[in-house]
Amino acid sequence: MKTNKAVNFIKRFLLTILFPLVIYVVMYILAKSKGVTYYGLTIDMWRTVLVNTSMTSVAALAIWLQVKNGRFDFSGGATMVLTAIIAGNMALKLNFGPVFYLVLCIAIGVVLCVITGTIYIVGRLPIMICTIGVALLYESITYLIYDAQGLNMMSNTKLTVFGRMPYILIVLAIALFVFVGYCYFTVAGKRSKLLANNQQASVNIGVKENKNVIQTFIVCGILLGCAACIYGSNNTVAPQSGLSTANTLFSNIIPAYMGVFVGAMSVDALGVVLAALGMEILNYGLSAIGYGSGGWQQIIVGTFMLLFYTFMAQLPRIKAARAKKARLAAPENV
């Protein structure tokens, strides 16, 4: 019995890590064929890949939390940018350390997300209209505070440690702990899943939808606060307008959807992280072999994503066809 469980665990683990592993092997072969010697096991490469993976993963977890609960939040990018600007400038002015900066990011992210959730509940607006309006509101605030200077913490490197290795992994671990803990080990997280699957039936059995929405937005605020901490540590954050913040967050949307398939053998949170890792390995490899600029990277990544989704969409049919073929080839049918 224990042997079967161990074999099953190993099988599920190998299937889960297969996605980034295959991408790494393919890009390694391509890089060596092009004469690129630094792609593979160099410390600099993996430092860059892991930093980008952490940032992408935390933002993707925030996106996926709302999507899996039946909401598509366009205000996440604006929340992340505004949080980074406010928390970063407060930390600089008050001479806070990096831990307090992270705590500030989380606290401000939660407050902004609660405001968004409250507007959604009170206004009774469709989620898309509500979050687009909130995104425009938060973007306008970035021009009204701190003389429209945004945030630049590059002069104070002690505040940017959570944007570098190995401390960035702490932020990723916090985000994973919060996501998994809420979705799989709390009543609120399980009720969110019920609401997403059948809203009316869930309300009829006593699930309080408005309370659950606020709880989900609080958790999303924690995740966006973690993302804001990394984002502010690695970027000069400028004021935003015209829904440009939507692109800031949704540039990380690919791992959110791919993670569902990648993590099918384990949990979606791990799938999101491994999907992000695979995409960052791909992006680094494309840059290494000379396809990281001029639009080639976007074309290749877009094509890869389309093929991946097409294959996964057809996978049930492929399995059904194989099962039918096996039944017809069975001895009793011969």
Protein backbone atom coordinates (compact mmCIF):
# COMPACT_ATOMS: atom_id res chain seq x y z
CA MET A 1 0.00 0.00 0.00
CA LYS A 2 2.77 2.41 0.97
CA THR A 3 4.70 1.43 -2.15
CA ASN A 4 1.70 2.27 -4.35
CA LYS A 5 1.33 5.66 -2.67
CA ALA A 6 5.04 6.40 -3.12
CA VAL A 7 4.94 5.41 -6.80
CA ASN A 8 1.81 7.50 -7.34
CA PHE A 9 3.44 10.50 -5.62
CA ILE A 10 6.58 10.22 -7.75
CA LYS A 11 4.48 9.89 -10.91
CA ARG A 12 2.42 12.99 -10.06
CA PHE A 13 5.56 14.94 -9.14
CA LEU A 14 7.31 14.07 -12.41
CA LEU A 15 4.25 14.97 -14.47
CA THR A 16 4.01 18.31 -12.66
CA ILE A 17 7.63 19.34 -13.29
CA LEU A 18 7.55 18.01 -16.86
CA PHE A 19 6.52 21.37 -18.37
CA PRO A 20 9.52 23.51 -17.27
CA LEU A 21 11.87 20.54 -17.70
CA VAL A 22 10.92 20.00 -21.35
CA ILE A 23 11.25 23.72 -22.11
CA TYR A 24 14.67 23.81 -20.46
CA VAL A 25 15.95 20.81 -22.44
CA VAL A 26 14.67 22.22 -25.75
CA MET A 27 16.13 25.70 -25.13
CA TYR A 28 19.42 24.19 -23.91
CA ILE A 29 19.79 22.23 -27.15
CA LEU A 30 18.93 25.30 -29.24
CA ALA A 31 21.34 27.50 -27.28
CA LYS A 32 24.22 25.03 -27.67
CA SER A 33 23.51 24.69 -31.38
CA LYS A 34 23.84 28.47 -31.65
CA GLY A 35 27.12 28.44 -29.75
CA VAL A 36 25.69 30.10 -26.63
CA THR A 37 27.80 28.89 -23.72
CA TYR A 38 26.25 30.78 -20.81
CA TYR A 39 22.81 29.17 -21.11
CA GLY A 40 22.39 26.20 -18.83
CA LEU A 41 23.77 25.99 -15.31
CA THR A 42 25.26 29.45 -14.75
CA ILE A 43 24.41 31.21 -11.49
CA ASP A 44 23.59 34.48 -13.26
CA MET A 45 21.06 32.78 -15.50
CA TRP A 46 19.18 31.09 -12.66
CA ARG A 47 19.30 34.20 -10.51
CA THR A 48 17.59 36.15 -13.30
CA VAL A 49 15.11 33.35 -14.04
CA LEU A 50 14.13 32.88 -10.38
CA VAL A 51 13.69 36.62 -9.77
CA ASN A 52 11.42 36.95 -12.81
CA THR A 53 9.60 33.74 -11.90
CA SER A 54 8.86 34.99 -8.39
CA MET A 55 7.46 38.30 -9.62
CA THR A 56 5.37 36.62 -12.31
CA SER A 57 4.13 33.89 -9.96
CA VAL A 58 2.90 36.25 -7.23
CA ALA A 59 1.04 38.44 -9.73
CA ALA A 60 -0.37 35.35 -11.49
CA LEU A 61 -1.64 33.95 -8.17
CA ALA A 62 -3.52 37.21 -7.57
CA ILE A 63 -5.08 36.99 -11.04
CA TRP A 64 -5.95 33.32 -10.69
CA LEU A 65 -7.55 33.76 -7.25
CA GLN A 66 -10.16 36.09 -8.72
CA VAL A 67 -10.63 34.08 -11.92
CA LYS A 68 -11.18 30.78 -10.12
CA ASN A 69 -13.82 32.52 -8.00
CA GLY A 70 -15.68 33.70 -11.09
CA ARG A 71 -14.34 37.27 -11.31
CA PHE A 72 -11.97 38.95 -13.76
CA ASP A 73 -10.40 41.88 -11.92
CA PHE A 74 -9.11 44.66 -14.19
CA SER A 75 -8.08 46.80 -11.20
CA GLY A 76 -5.32 44.47 -9.97
CA GLY A 77 -2.56 46.24 -11.90
CA ALA A 78 -3.67 49.67 -10.69
CA THR A 79 -3.84 48.37 -7.13
CA MET A 80 -0.32 46.96 -7.40
CA VAL A 81 1.15 50.17 -8.88
CA LEU A 82 -0.61 52.52 -6.43
CA THR A 83 0.38 50.28 -3.51
CA ALA A 84 4.02 50.28 -4.57
CA ILE A 85 4.06 54.08 -4.90
CA ILE A 86 2.40 54.81 -1.56
CA ALA A 87 4.25 52.16 0.47
CA GLY A 88 7.60 52.91 -1.15
CA ASN A 89 7.44 56.65 -0.56
CA MET A 90 6.25 56.15 3.02
CA ALA A 91 9.12 53.75 3.67
CA LEU A 92 11.64 56.19 2.22
CA LYS A 93 10.26 59.16 4.14
CA LEU A 94 10.03 57.35 7.48
CA ASN A 95 13.31 55.48 6.92
CA PHE A 96 11.67 52.08 7.32
CA GLY A 97 13.47 48.80 6.72
CA PRO A 98 12.52 46.24 4.06
CA VAL A 99 10.31 44.20 6.41
CA PHE A 100 8.19 47.23 7.24
CA TYR A 101 8.05 48.06 3.54
CA LEU A 102 6.65 44.59 2.82
CA VAL A 103 4.12 44.94 5.67
CA LEU A 104 3.10 48.38 4.35
CA CYS A 105 2.61 46.96 0.85
CA ILE A 106 0.38 44.18 2.16
CA ALA A 107 -1.65 46.53 4.40
CA ILE A 108 -2.21 49.11 1.65
CA GLY A 109 -2.98 46.39 -0.91
CA VAL A 110 -5.65 44.97 1.41
CA VAL A 111 -7.21 48.41 1.99
CA LEU A 112 -7.38 49.17 -1.73
CA CYS A 113 -8.83 45.75 -2.54
CA VAL A 114 -11.46 46.08 0.20
CA ILE A 115 -12.47 49.43 -1.31
CA THR A 116 -12.79 47.73 -4.71
CA GLY A 117 -14.85 44.90 -3.25
CA THR A 118 -17.11 47.36 -1.40
CA ILE A 119 -17.76 49.36 -4.57
CA TYR A 120 -18.58 46.10 -6.36
CA ILE A 121 -21.08 45.06 -3.68
CA VAL A 122 -22.72 48.43 -3.03
CA GLY A 123 -22.80 49.51 -6.67
CA ARG A 124 -24.20 46.15 -7.85
CA LEU A 125 -22.19 46.61 -11.03
CA PRO A 126 -20.88 43.90 -13.36
CA ILE A 127 -17.38 43.01 -12.18
CA MET A 128 -15.76 44.15 -15.44
CA ILE A 129 -17.33 47.62 -15.38
CA CYS A 130 -16.65 48.02 -11.67
CA THR A 131 -12.97 47.05 -11.79
CA ILE A 132 -12.27 49.09 -14.94
CA GLY A 133 -13.74 52.13 -13.19
CA VAL A 134 -11.69 51.45 -10.06
CA ALA A 135 -8.56 50.99 -12.18
CA LEU A 136 -9.09 54.42 -13.76
CA LEU A 137 -9.66 55.91 -10.30
CA TYR A 138 -6.49 54.41 -8.82
CA GLU A 139 -4.47 55.44 -11.87
CA SER A 140 -5.62 59.04 -11.48
CA ILE A 141 -4.49 58.99 -7.85
CA THR A 142 -0.94 58.11 -8.95
CA TYR A 143 -0.79 61.59 -10.53
CA LEU A 144 -2.19 63.35 -7.47
CA ILE A 145 0.24 62.07 -4.83
CA TYR A 146 3.95 62.78 -4.30
CA ASP A 147 3.95 65.49 -6.98
CA ALA A 148 3.31 62.86 -9.67
CA GLN A 149 6.87 61.58 -9.21
CA GLY A 150 5.90 57.94 -8.72
CA LEU A 151 8.54 55.85 -6.96
CA ASN A 152 12.25 55.34 -7.33
CA MET A 153 13.98 53.32 -4.61
CA MET A 154 17.15 52.56 -6.52
CA SER A 155 19.05 55.07 -4.36
CA ASN A 156 18.10 53.15 -1.20
CA THR A 157 19.13 49.57 -1.87
CA LYS A 158 18.33 48.36 1.64
CA LEU A 159 14.63 48.65 0.80
CA THR A 160 14.94 46.58 -2.35
CA VAL A 161 16.16 43.30 -0.84
CA PHE A 162 12.79 41.63 -1.42
CA GLY A 163 13.28 42.19 -5.12
CA ARG A 164 16.52 40.19 -5.19
CA MET A 165 17.66 36.65 -4.49
CA PRO A 166 17.29 34.94 -2.11
CA TYR A 167 14.86 37.20 -0.23
CA ILE A 168 12.42 37.40 -3.11
CA LEU A 169 11.68 33.71 -2.47
CA ILE A 170 10.37 34.70 0.98
CA VAL A 171 7.73 36.90 -0.66
CA LEU A 172 6.83 34.07 -3.04
CA ALA A 173 6.54 31.67 -0.10
CA ILE A 174 4.21 34.09 1.73
CA ALA A 175 2.01 34.39 -1.37
CA LEU A 176 1.87 30.61 -1.82
CA PHE A 177 1.08 30.07 1.86
CA VAL A 178 -1.77 32.60 1.75
CA PHE A 179 -3.19 31.30 -1.55
CA VAL A 180 -3.10 27.61 -0.65
CA GLY A 181 -4.22 28.23 2.92
CA TYR A 182 -7.25 30.27 1.84
CA CYS A 183 -8.34 28.14 -1.11
CA TYR A 184 -7.89 24.68 0.40
CA PHE A 185 -7.94 25.00 4.20
CA THR A 186 -10.55 27.64 5.03
CA VAL A 187 -14.33 27.54 4.91
CA ALA A 188 -14.38 30.87 3.06
CA GLY A 189 -12.13 29.51 0.32
CA LYS A 190 -14.30 26.44 -0.18
CA ARG A 191 -17.43 28.58 -0.24
CA SER A 192 -15.83 30.77 -2.90
CA LYS A 193 -15.52 27.70 -5.08
CA LEU A 194 -19.20 26.89 -4.50
CA LEU A 195 -20.21 30.41 -5.51
CA ALA A 196 -18.10 30.23 -8.66
CA ASN A 197 -19.64 26.90 -9.68
CA ASN A 198 -23.27 27.73 -8.89
CA GLN A 199 -23.96 31.12 -7.36
CA GLN A 200 -27.72 30.79 -6.89
CA ALA A 201 -27.56 27.32 -5.37
CA SER A 202 -24.80 28.44 -2.98
CA VAL A 203 -26.84 31.43 -1.81
CA ASN A 204 -29.89 29.19 -1.35
CA ILE A 205 -27.98 26.89 1.02
CA GLY A 206 -26.87 29.81 3.17
CA VAL A 207 -23.57 31.05 1.74
CA LYS A 208 -23.30 34.81 2.33
CA GLU A 209 -22.05 36.07 -1.01
CA ASN A 210 -21.16 39.64 -0.01
CA LYS A 211 -19.13 38.50 2.99
CA ASN A 212 -17.32 35.97 0.84
CA VAL A 213 -16.53 38.59 -1.82
CA ILE A 214 -14.88 40.84 0.78
CA GLN A 215 -12.91 37.90 2.19
CA THR A 216 -11.64 37.02 -1.28
CA PHE A 217 -10.67 40.63 -1.99
CA ILE A 218 -8.76 40.75 1.31
CA VAL A 219 -6.71 37.71 0.31
CA CYS A 220 -6.22 39.18 -3.16
CA GLY A 221 -4.98 42.37 -1.46
CA ILE A 222 -2.33 40.37 0.39
CA LEU A 223 -1.15 38.80 -2.85
CA LEU A 224 -1.13 42.14 -4.70
CA GLY A 225 0.75 43.68 -1.76
CA CYS A 226 3.43 41.02 -2.12
CA ALA A 227 3.55 41.67 -5.88
CA ALA A 228 3.79 45.43 -5.25
CA CYS A 229 6.74 44.92 -2.91
CA ILE A 230 8.67 43.02 -5.61
CA TYR A 231 7.53 45.37 -8.37
CA GLY A 232 8.57 48.50 -6.46
CA SER A 233 11.92 46.92 -5.57
CA ASN A 234 12.81 46.17 -9.18
CA ASN A 235 11.30 49.07 -11.11
CA THR A 236 11.04 52.82 -11.25
CA VAL A 237 7.28 53.13 -10.86
CA ALA A 238 5.81 56.00 -12.86
CA PRO A 239 2.26 57.38 -12.64
CA GLN A 240 -0.11 55.52 -14.95
CA SER A 241 -3.10 56.40 -17.11
CA GLY A 242 -5.36 54.97 -19.80
CA LEU A 243 -5.61 51.52 -18.20
CA SER A 244 -1.90 50.96 -18.79
CA THR A 245 -1.84 49.20 -15.40
CA ALA A 246 -4.02 46.44 -16.83
CA ASN A 247 -1.14 45.52 -19.10
CA THR A 248 1.24 45.66 -16.11
CA LEU A 249 -0.67 42.91 -14.35
CA PHE A 250 -2.01 40.93 -17.29
CA SER A 251 1.47 40.56 -18.77
CA ASN A 252 1.64 37.88 -16.07
CA ILE A 253 -1.64 36.24 -17.03
CA ILE A 254 -0.18 33.38 -19.10
CA PRO A 255 1.03 31.33 -16.09
CA ALA A 256 -2.32 31.89 -14.36
CA TYR A 257 -4.16 29.92 -17.05
CA MET A 258 -1.38 27.51 -17.98
CA GLY A 259 -0.93 26.66 -14.32
CA VAL A 260 -4.30 24.93 -14.24
CA PHE A 261 -3.04 22.33 -16.73
CA VAL A 262 0.52 22.17 -15.43
CA GLY A 263 -0.70 21.62 -11.87
CA ALA A 264 -3.42 19.15 -12.81
CA MET A 265 -1.44 16.37 -11.10
CA SER A 266 -0.97 18.37 -7.87
CA VAL A 267 -2.46 21.79 -7.00
CA ASP A 268 -3.08 24.85 -9.13
CA ALA A 269 -0.78 27.05 -7.02
CA LEU A 270 2.23 24.84 -7.77
CA GLY A 271 1.14 24.70 -11.40
CA VAL A 272 1.15 28.51 -11.60
CA VAL A 273 4.69 28.70 -10.21
CA LEU A 274 6.01 25.98 -12.52
CA ALA A 275 4.25 27.51 -15.52
CA ALA A 276 5.89 30.84 -14.66
CA LEU A 277 9.24 29.09 -14.31
CA GLY A 278 8.83 27.43 -17.69
CA MET A 279 7.89 30.69 -19.41
CA GLU A 280 10.84 32.55 -17.85
CA ILE A 281 13.21 29.77 -18.98
CA LEU A 282 11.72 30.16 -22.46
CA ASN A 283 12.08 33.97 -22.42
CA TYR A 284 15.67 33.80 -21.19
CA GLY A 285 16.52 31.20 -23.82
CA LEU A 286 14.97 33.25 -26.62
CA SER A 287 17.03 36.26 -25.55
CA ALA A 288 20.17 34.12 -25.39
CA ILE A 289 19.78 32.86 -28.98
CA GLY A 290 18.95 36.31 -30.35
CA TYR A 291 15.16 36.25 -30.50
CA GLY A 292 14.47 38.43 -27.47
CA SER A 293 13.78 41.62 -29.40
CA GLY A 294 12.22 42.90 -32.59
CA GLY A 295 8.88 41.25 -31.85
CA TRP A 296 10.20 37.70 -32.31
CA GLN A 297 9.86 36.88 -28.65
CA GLN A 298 6.19 37.94 -28.58
CA ILE A 299 5.48 35.99 -31.77
CA ILE A 300 7.15 32.81 -30.50
CA VAL A 301 5.63 33.01 -27.02
CA GLY A 302 2.18 33.77 -28.47
CA THR A 303 2.42 30.85 -30.89
CA PHE A 304 3.65 28.56 -28.13
CA MET A 305 0.78 29.57 -25.87
CA LEU A 306 -1.78 29.04 -28.66
CA LEU A 307 -0.42 25.58 -29.43
CA PHE A 308 -0.35 24.69 -25.73
CA TYR A 309 -3.97 25.72 -25.18
CA THR A 310 -5.06 23.96 -28.38
CA PHE A 311 -3.40 20.73 -27.30
CA MET A 312 -4.89 20.89 -23.79
CA ALA A 313 -8.34 21.64 -25.22
CA GLN A 314 -8.09 18.59 -27.49
CA LEU A 315 -6.58 16.33 -24.82
CA PRO A 316 -9.94 14.94 -23.59
CA ARG A 317 -10.82 13.97 -27.17
CA ILE A 318 -7.42 12.33 -27.65
CA LYS A 319 -7.88 10.33 -24.43
CA ALA A 320 -11.40 9.32 -25.47
CA ALA A 321 -10.16 8.18 -28.90
CA ARG A 322 -7.37 6.14 -27.31
CA ALA A 323 -9.80 4.54 -24.85
CA LYS A 324 -12.19 3.66 -27.70
CA LYS A 325 -9.33 2.15 -29.71
CA ALA A 326 -8.26 0.10 -26.69
CA ARG A 327 -11.81 -1.21 -26.20
CA LEU A 328 -12.09 -2.22 -29.84
CA ALA A 329 -8.74 -4.00 -29.66
CA ALA A 330 -9.74 -5.92 -26.53
CA PRO A 331 -9.85 -9.75 -26.94
CA GLU A 332 -13.63 -9.98 -26.46
CA ASN A 333 -14.11 -7.61 -29.44
CA VAL A 334 -11.77 -9.52 -31.76
